């Protein structure tokens, strides 16, 4: 399933859920979503195995940090920023050092030839 379909379905689900919130509480729900989004931008992700990892993932989901808005840093992962032109060389150097290169879902990529 492509990202557009996922986001469209998620947007529809969120819209449907928000219609179920009584009008007098809608502002508080919106503020809660905004606070979760701001907190995930300001708070670094916890270490792998931390008791806060699940809470952090829930907070990022509530803050709608998905798709293009998804955080680049996740619990237990690091991000090495290199110019796009150097990406293949950086992947090869990391793989040559015996470090698995992870895909977007956090799973090791299949070795490329």
N, C-alpha and C. Protein backbone atom coordinates (compact mmCIF):
# COMPACT_ATOMS: atom_id res chain seq x y z
N UNK A 1 0.86 -1.17 0.00
CA UNK A 1 0.00 0.00 0.00
C UNK A 1 0.90 1.24 0.00
N UNK A 2 0.58 2.19 -0.82
CA UNK A 2 1.46 3.36 -0.90
C UNK A 2 1.14 4.35 0.21
N UNK A 3 2.07 5.29 0.40
CA UNK A 3 1.97 6.25 1.50
C UNK A 3 0.74 7.13 1.38
N UNK A 4 0.40 7.54 0.17
CA UNK A 4 -0.76 8.41 -0.03
C UNK A 4 -2.04 7.73 0.46
N UNK A 5 -2.19 6.46 0.15
CA UNK A 5 -3.38 5.72 0.58
C UNK A 5 -3.40 5.59 2.10
N UNK A 6 -2.23 5.31 2.69
CA UNK A 6 -2.16 5.19 4.15
C UNK A 6 -2.55 6.50 4.81
N UNK A 7 -1.98 7.60 4.33
CA UNK A 7 -2.26 8.90 4.93
C UNK A 7 -3.70 9.32 4.70
N UNK A 8 -4.24 8.99 3.53
CA UNK A 8 -5.64 9.31 3.26
C UNK A 8 -6.57 8.56 4.19
N UNK A 9 -6.28 7.28 4.40
CA UNK A 9 -7.08 6.48 5.32
C UNK A 9 -6.94 6.96 6.75
N UNK A 10 -5.72 7.32 7.14
CA UNK A 10 -5.49 7.82 8.49
C UNK A 10 -6.19 9.16 8.69
N UNK A 11 -6.11 10.02 7.69
CA UNK A 11 -6.78 11.32 7.78
C UNK A 11 -8.28 11.15 7.91
N UNK A 12 -8.85 10.20 7.16
CA UNK A 12 -10.29 9.95 7.25
C UNK A 12 -10.66 9.41 8.63
N UNK A 13 -9.83 8.51 9.16
CA UNK A 13 -10.09 7.93 10.49
C UNK A 13 -10.01 9.00 11.56
N UNK A 14 -9.01 9.87 11.48
CA UNK A 14 -8.86 10.94 12.47
C UNK A 14 -10.04 11.90 12.37
N UNK A 15 -10.42 12.26 11.15
CA UNK A 15 -11.57 13.13 10.97
C UNK A 15 -12.83 12.53 11.56
N UNK A 16 -13.01 11.23 11.36
CA UNK A 16 -14.19 10.55 11.90
C UNK A 16 -14.15 10.54 13.43
N UNK A 17 -12.98 10.26 13.99
CA UNK A 17 -12.86 10.24 15.45
C UNK A 17 -13.09 11.63 16.05
N UNK A 18 -12.60 12.67 15.39
CA UNK A 18 -12.78 14.01 15.92
C UNK A 18 -14.24 14.47 15.88
N UNK A 19 -15.03 13.91 14.96
CA UNK A 19 -16.46 14.28 14.94
C UNK A 19 -17.20 13.69 16.14
N UNK A 20 -16.62 12.67 16.76
CA UNK A 20 -17.24 12.03 17.92
C UNK A 20 -16.93 12.77 19.23
N UNK A 21 -15.97 13.70 19.19
CA UNK A 21 -15.62 14.48 20.38
C UNK A 21 -16.66 15.57 20.57
N UNK A 22 -17.22 15.69 21.78
CA UNK A 22 -18.18 16.79 22.01
C UNK A 22 -17.53 18.14 21.73
N UNK A 23 -18.30 19.05 21.18
CA UNK A 23 -17.79 20.35 20.72
C UNK A 23 -17.04 21.11 21.81
N UNK A 24 -17.50 21.04 23.05
CA UNK A 24 -16.85 21.81 24.12
C UNK A 24 -15.46 21.26 24.46
N UNK A 25 -15.13 20.04 24.00
CA UNK A 25 -13.81 19.46 24.28
C UNK A 25 -12.91 19.45 23.05
N UNK A 26 -13.39 19.87 21.91
CA UNK A 26 -12.62 19.82 20.67
C UNK A 26 -11.33 20.63 20.76
N UNK A 27 -11.39 21.78 21.40
CA UNK A 27 -10.19 22.60 21.56
C UNK A 27 -9.13 21.86 22.37
N UNK A 28 -9.55 21.17 23.43
CA UNK A 28 -8.59 20.44 24.27
C UNK A 28 -7.97 19.26 23.53
N UNK A 29 -8.74 18.60 22.71
CA UNK A 29 -8.21 17.49 21.91
C UNK A 29 -7.20 18.02 20.91
N UNK A 30 -7.52 19.12 20.25
CA UNK A 30 -6.60 19.72 19.28
C UNK A 30 -5.32 20.18 19.98
N UNK A 31 -5.45 20.79 21.16
CA UNK A 31 -4.26 21.22 21.91
C UNK A 31 -3.40 20.02 22.32
N UNK A 32 -4.05 18.92 22.69
CA UNK A 32 -3.32 17.71 23.07
C UNK A 32 -2.51 17.18 21.89
N UNK A 33 -3.11 17.18 20.70
CA UNK A 33 -2.39 16.73 19.50
C UNK A 33 -1.21 17.66 19.21
N UNK A 34 -1.42 18.97 19.33
CA UNK A 34 -0.35 19.94 19.08
C UNK A 34 0.77 19.79 20.09
N UNK A 35 0.43 19.59 21.36
CA UNK A 35 1.45 19.42 22.41
C UNK A 35 2.25 18.14 22.16
N UNK A 36 1.61 17.06 21.76
CA UNK A 36 2.33 15.82 21.45
C UNK A 36 3.29 16.03 20.28
N UNK A 37 2.85 16.75 19.26
CA UNK A 37 3.72 17.01 18.11
C UNK A 37 4.91 17.87 18.52
N UNK A 38 4.66 18.89 19.33
CA UNK A 38 5.75 19.76 19.78
C UNK A 38 6.72 19.01 20.68
N UNK A 39 6.20 18.17 21.56
CA UNK A 39 7.06 17.41 22.47
C UNK A 39 7.97 16.45 21.71
N UNK A 40 7.46 15.80 20.67
CA UNK A 40 8.31 14.88 19.91
C UNK A 40 9.37 15.63 19.13
N UNK A 41 9.13 16.89 18.82
CA UNK A 41 10.14 17.70 18.14
C UNK A 41 11.22 18.16 19.11
N UNK A 42 10.87 18.32 20.37
CA UNK A 42 11.81 18.84 21.36
C UNK A 42 12.51 17.77 22.19
N UNK A 43 11.85 16.64 22.41
CA UNK A 43 12.40 15.60 23.27
C UNK A 43 13.12 14.56 22.42
N UNK A 44 14.40 14.27 22.72
CA UNK A 44 15.09 13.24 21.95
C UNK A 44 14.49 11.86 22.23
N UNK A 45 14.55 10.95 21.26
CA UNK A 45 13.96 9.63 21.49
C UNK A 45 14.72 8.88 22.57
N UNK A 46 14.03 8.04 23.34
CA UNK A 46 14.70 7.26 24.38
C UNK A 46 15.56 6.16 23.78
N UNK A 47 16.43 5.61 24.60
CA UNK A 47 17.30 4.52 24.15
C UNK A 47 16.49 3.24 23.98
N UNK A 48 17.01 2.32 23.19
CA UNK A 48 16.35 1.03 22.98
C UNK A 48 16.21 0.32 24.32
N UNK A 49 15.07 -0.27 24.55
CA UNK A 49 14.83 -0.99 25.79
C UNK A 49 14.38 -0.10 26.93
N UNK A 50 14.35 1.20 26.71
CA UNK A 50 13.90 2.12 27.74
C UNK A 50 12.42 1.92 28.00
N UNK A 51 12.01 2.13 29.23
CA UNK A 51 10.59 2.00 29.54
C UNK A 51 9.77 3.11 28.90
N UNK A 52 10.44 4.15 28.39
CA UNK A 52 9.77 5.27 27.76
C UNK A 52 9.59 5.10 26.25
N UNK A 53 10.17 4.05 25.67
CA UNK A 53 10.13 3.88 24.21
C UNK A 53 8.69 3.75 23.70
N UNK A 54 7.87 2.96 24.37
CA UNK A 54 6.48 2.78 23.93
C UNK A 54 5.71 4.09 24.08
N UNK A 55 5.92 4.77 25.22
CA UNK A 55 5.23 6.05 25.43
C UNK A 55 5.63 7.06 24.36
N UNK A 56 6.90 7.06 23.98
CA UNK A 56 7.38 7.98 22.95
C UNK A 56 6.72 7.67 21.61
N UNK A 57 6.60 6.39 21.27
CA UNK A 57 5.96 6.00 20.01
C UNK A 57 4.47 6.40 20.01
N UNK A 58 3.79 6.24 21.14
CA UNK A 58 2.39 6.64 21.24
C UNK A 58 2.28 8.16 21.07
N UNK A 59 3.20 8.90 21.72
CA UNK A 59 3.18 10.35 21.62
C UNK A 59 3.42 10.81 20.18
N UNK A 60 4.32 10.15 19.44
CA UNK A 60 4.57 10.54 18.06
C UNK A 60 3.36 10.23 17.18
N UNK A 61 2.67 9.15 17.47
CA UNK A 61 1.47 8.81 16.70
C UNK A 61 0.34 9.81 16.98
N UNK A 62 0.14 10.15 18.25
CA UNK A 62 -0.90 11.13 18.59
C UNK A 62 -0.57 12.48 17.97
N UNK A 63 0.71 12.84 17.95
CA UNK A 63 1.13 14.10 17.36
C UNK A 63 1.15 14.08 15.84
N UNK A 64 0.70 12.98 15.25
CA UNK A 64 0.60 12.81 13.80
C UNK A 64 1.95 12.94 13.09
N UNK A 65 3.02 12.46 13.74
CA UNK A 65 4.35 12.46 13.12
C UNK A 65 4.50 11.19 12.30
N UNK A 66 3.87 11.20 11.13
CA UNK A 66 3.87 10.05 10.25
C UNK A 66 4.19 10.52 8.84
N UNK A 67 4.53 9.60 7.99
CA UNK A 67 4.83 9.95 6.60
C UNK A 67 6.00 10.91 6.50
N UNK A 68 5.82 12.01 5.80
CA UNK A 68 6.90 13.00 5.63
C UNK A 68 7.20 13.73 6.93
N UNK A 69 6.25 13.75 7.86
CA UNK A 69 6.47 14.43 9.14
C UNK A 69 7.12 13.53 10.18
N UNK A 70 7.38 12.28 9.81
CA UNK A 70 7.95 11.31 10.74
C UNK A 70 9.32 11.76 11.22
N UNK A 71 9.59 11.52 12.50
CA UNK A 71 10.89 11.87 13.07
C UNK A 71 11.99 11.04 12.41
N UNK A 72 13.12 11.68 12.16
CA UNK A 72 14.25 10.96 11.57
C UNK A 72 14.99 10.14 12.60
N UNK A 73 14.91 10.53 13.85
CA UNK A 73 15.57 9.79 14.91
C UNK A 73 14.53 8.99 15.67
N UNK A 74 14.80 7.71 15.84
CA UNK A 74 13.88 6.80 16.50
C UNK A 74 14.62 6.09 17.62
N UNK A 75 13.90 5.57 18.60
CA UNK A 75 14.57 4.85 19.67
C UNK A 75 15.43 3.71 19.12
N UNK A 76 16.68 3.68 19.53
CA UNK A 76 17.58 2.60 19.13
C UNK A 76 18.22 2.76 17.77
N UNK A 77 18.00 3.88 17.09
CA UNK A 77 18.60 4.10 15.78
C UNK A 77 19.29 5.45 15.77
N UNK A 78 20.28 5.56 14.92
CA UNK A 78 20.93 6.86 14.73
C UNK A 78 20.82 7.22 13.26
N UNK A 79 21.03 8.46 12.97
CA UNK A 79 20.97 8.91 11.58
C UNK A 79 22.29 9.56 11.22
N UNK A 80 22.89 9.09 10.16
CA UNK A 80 24.12 9.69 9.68
C UNK A 80 23.75 10.51 8.46
N UNK A 81 23.94 11.82 8.54
CA UNK A 81 23.55 12.70 7.45
C UNK A 81 24.73 12.89 6.51
N UNK A 82 24.51 12.54 5.26
CA UNK A 82 25.51 12.71 4.21
C UNK A 82 24.83 13.33 3.00
N UNK A 83 25.60 13.99 2.13
CA UNK A 83 25.00 14.50 0.90
C UNK A 83 24.42 13.35 0.08
N UNK A 84 23.36 13.64 -0.65
CA UNK A 84 22.68 12.61 -1.44
C UNK A 84 23.65 11.93 -2.41
N UNK A 85 24.56 12.71 -2.98
CA UNK A 85 25.52 12.13 -3.93
C UNK A 85 26.43 11.10 -3.27
N UNK A 86 26.66 11.24 -1.96
CA UNK A 86 27.55 10.32 -1.24
C UNK A 86 26.81 9.16 -0.56
N UNK A 87 25.50 9.09 -0.74
CA UNK A 87 24.72 8.06 -0.06
C UNK A 87 25.18 6.64 -0.39
N UNK A 88 25.39 6.28 -1.67
CA UNK A 88 25.85 4.92 -1.96
C UNK A 88 27.20 4.60 -1.32
N UNK A 89 28.13 5.56 -1.33
CA UNK A 89 29.44 5.33 -0.73
C UNK A 89 29.32 5.19 0.79
N UNK A 90 28.45 5.98 1.40
CA UNK A 90 28.26 5.90 2.85
C UNK A 90 27.65 4.55 3.23
N UNK A 91 26.66 4.08 2.45
CA UNK A 91 26.07 2.77 2.72
C UNK A 91 27.12 1.67 2.59
N UNK A 92 27.96 1.77 1.55
CA UNK A 92 29.00 0.76 1.34
C UNK A 92 30.00 0.77 2.49
N UNK A 93 30.38 1.97 2.97
CA UNK A 93 31.34 2.06 4.07
C UNK A 93 30.77 1.48 5.36
N UNK A 94 29.50 1.76 5.62
CA UNK A 94 28.86 1.22 6.82
C UNK A 94 28.75 -0.29 6.73
N UNK A 95 28.34 -0.79 5.58
CA UNK A 95 28.23 -2.24 5.38
C UNK A 95 29.59 -2.92 5.48
N UNK A 96 30.65 -2.28 4.93
CA UNK A 96 31.99 -2.85 5.00
C UNK A 96 32.50 -2.94 6.43
N UNK A 97 32.00 -2.07 7.29
CA UNK A 97 32.40 -2.09 8.70
C UNK A 97 31.61 -3.15 9.49
N UNK A 98 30.71 -3.86 8.80
CA UNK A 98 29.94 -4.91 9.47
C UNK A 98 28.71 -4.38 10.20
N UNK A 99 28.31 -3.16 9.91
CA UNK A 99 27.14 -2.56 10.55
C UNK A 99 25.98 -2.66 9.58
N UNK A 100 24.86 -3.26 9.99
CA UNK A 100 23.73 -3.38 9.07
C UNK A 100 23.11 -2.01 8.76
N UNK A 101 22.78 -1.80 7.51
CA UNK A 101 22.08 -0.59 7.07
C UNK A 101 20.60 -0.89 7.19
N UNK A 102 19.86 -0.01 7.90
CA UNK A 102 18.45 -0.24 8.15
C UNK A 102 17.58 0.50 7.13
N UNK A 103 16.45 -0.12 6.78
CA UNK A 103 15.50 0.54 5.90
C UNK A 103 14.58 1.44 6.72
N UNK A 104 13.55 2.01 6.10
CA UNK A 104 12.65 2.94 6.80
C UNK A 104 11.89 2.29 7.95
N UNK A 105 11.72 0.99 7.88
CA UNK A 105 10.98 0.29 8.92
C UNK A 105 11.89 -0.24 10.03
N UNK A 106 13.18 0.09 9.95
CA UNK A 106 14.12 -0.32 10.99
C UNK A 106 14.65 -1.74 10.82
N UNK A 107 14.40 -2.33 9.66
CA UNK A 107 14.87 -3.69 9.39
C UNK A 107 16.12 -3.61 8.53
N UNK A 108 17.06 -4.56 8.70
CA UNK A 108 18.27 -4.53 7.85
C UNK A 108 17.93 -4.68 6.37
N UNK A 109 18.58 -3.83 5.55
CA UNK A 109 18.37 -3.90 4.10
C UNK A 109 19.07 -5.14 3.54
N UNK A 110 18.53 -5.63 2.44
CA UNK A 110 19.20 -6.72 1.74
C UNK A 110 20.47 -6.16 1.09
N UNK A 111 21.56 -6.90 1.16
CA UNK A 111 22.80 -6.38 0.55
C UNK A 111 22.61 -6.11 -0.94
N UNK A 112 23.05 -4.95 -1.39
CA UNK A 112 22.95 -4.61 -2.81
C UNK A 112 24.25 -4.97 -3.50
N UNK A 113 24.14 -5.26 -4.79
CA UNK A 113 25.33 -5.69 -5.51
C UNK A 113 25.82 -4.61 -6.41
